Amino acid sequence: MMTSQELDQLLIHNTEELNKLNVASGSMIKAVLQGIVKNGSGYIRLHDATEGGHKVSYVHVEGDESLVTILGKILGLMVTDTSLEAPHA
């Protein structure tokens, strides 16, 4: 289980990654993060966000890994075992 300090660092890191993305895409992916925490006390670490883009890679850290796929697909994201991508024109 992660310590409160580790959780704080993860939150800061994930926020920095979300801020790199297109605003709408970042908001959709943030909703997945919030849903994972709320529904399953789980966490993922985002990385390699595309600047101004729609895609970010992730690594499962803790909790029910299936929630990433379930919540991502509910929100209309393209989900793989390693990335989340918001739809774009």
Protein backbone atom coordinates (compact mmCIF):
# COMPACT_ATOMS: atom_id res chain seq x y z
CA MET A 1 0.00 0.00 0.00
CA MET A 2 1.25 3.47 -0.89
CA THR A 3 2.12 5.99 1.82
CA SER A 4 0.49 9.42 1.87
CA GLN A 5 3.78 10.94 0.70
CA GLU A 6 3.94 8.52 -2.25
CA LEU A 7 0.32 9.32 -3.12
CA ASP A 8 1.06 13.05 -3.02
CA GLN A 9 4.04 12.58 -5.35
CA LEU A 10 1.95 10.43 -7.70
CA LEU A 11 -0.79 13.07 -7.80
CA ILE A 12 1.71 15.82 -8.64
CA HIS A 13 3.36 13.68 -11.31
CA ASN A 14 0.05 12.67 -12.93
CA THR A 15 -1.15 16.28 -12.91
CA GLU A 16 2.01 17.35 -14.73
CA GLU A 17 1.41 14.66 -17.37
CA LEU A 18 -2.27 15.63 -17.76
CA ASN A 19 -1.29 19.28 -18.22
CA LYS A 20 0.78 18.35 -21.28
CA LEU A 21 -2.29 17.01 -23.10
CA ASN A 22 -4.97 18.78 -25.09
CA VAL A 23 -7.31 20.28 -22.46
CA ALA A 24 -10.36 18.19 -23.38
CA SER A 25 -8.35 14.98 -23.61
CA GLY A 26 -6.66 15.67 -20.30
CA SER A 27 -10.05 16.18 -18.67
CA MET A 28 -11.36 12.87 -19.99
CA ILE A 29 -8.30 10.98 -18.80
CA LYS A 30 -8.46 12.77 -15.43
CA ALA A 31 -12.02 11.42 -15.06
CA VAL A 32 -10.61 7.89 -15.41
CA LEU A 33 -8.03 8.59 -12.70
CA GLN A 34 -10.69 9.96 -10.36
CA GLY A 35 -12.97 7.01 -11.04
CA ILE A 36 -10.25 4.49 -10.29
CA VAL A 37 -9.46 6.13 -6.96
CA LYS A 38 -13.11 6.54 -5.97
CA ASN A 39 -14.40 3.12 -7.05
CA GLY A 40 -11.49 0.86 -6.36
CA SER A 41 -8.85 2.65 -4.36
CA GLY A 42 -6.47 2.06 -7.23
CA TYR A 43 -3.75 4.11 -8.85
CA ILE A 44 -1.92 4.38 -12.14
CA ARG A 45 1.18 6.41 -13.01
CA LEU A 46 0.95 8.40 -16.24
CA HIS A 47 3.99 8.96 -18.45
CA ASP A 48 5.00 10.02 -21.94
CA ALA A 49 2.03 12.33 -22.48
CA THR A 50 1.98 13.79 -25.98
CA GLU A 51 2.36 17.58 -25.76
CA GLY A 52 -0.96 19.10 -26.88
CA GLY A 53 -2.07 15.60 -27.82
CA HIS A 54 -4.64 13.04 -26.86
CA LYS A 55 -2.61 10.05 -25.69
CA VAL A 56 -0.72 9.13 -22.52
CA SER A 57 0.96 5.93 -21.42
CA TYR A 58 0.41 4.48 -17.97
CA VAL A 59 1.67 1.87 -15.54
CA HIS A 60 -0.65 0.17 -13.05
CA VAL A 61 0.50 0.93 -9.49
CA GLU A 62 -2.13 -0.44 -7.15
CA GLY A 63 -5.72 -1.71 -6.98
CA ASP A 64 -8.05 -3.31 -9.51
CA GLU A 65 -6.34 -3.03 -12.89
CA SER A 66 -9.57 -3.82 -14.78
CA LEU A 67 -11.07 -0.47 -13.69
CA VAL A 68 -8.77 1.36 -16.11
CA THR A 69 -10.26 -0.49 -19.06
CA ILE A 70 -13.84 -0.37 -17.80
CA LEU A 71 -13.87 3.34 -16.97
CA GLY A 72 -11.84 4.29 -20.03
CA LYS A 73 -14.22 2.53 -22.38
CA ILE A 74 -17.27 4.00 -20.62
CA LEU A 75 -15.81 7.45 -21.33
CA GLY A 76 -15.12 6.57 -24.97
CA LEU A 77 -11.34 6.35 -24.67
CA MET A 78 -9.18 3.96 -26.64
CA VAL A 79 -7.61 1.79 -23.94
CA THR A 80 -4.70 -0.65 -24.16
CA ASP A 81 -2.70 -2.34 -21.41
CA THR A 82 -0.27 0.58 -21.51
CA SER A 83 -2.07 3.68 -22.85
CA LEU A 84 -5.17 5.84 -22.78
CA GLU A 85 -6.19 7.91 -25.80
CA ALA A 86 -9.07 10.36 -26.07
CA PRO A 87 -10.98 10.59 -29.36
CA HIS A 88 -10.06 13.53 -31.57
CA ALA A 89 -10.90 14.93 -34.98
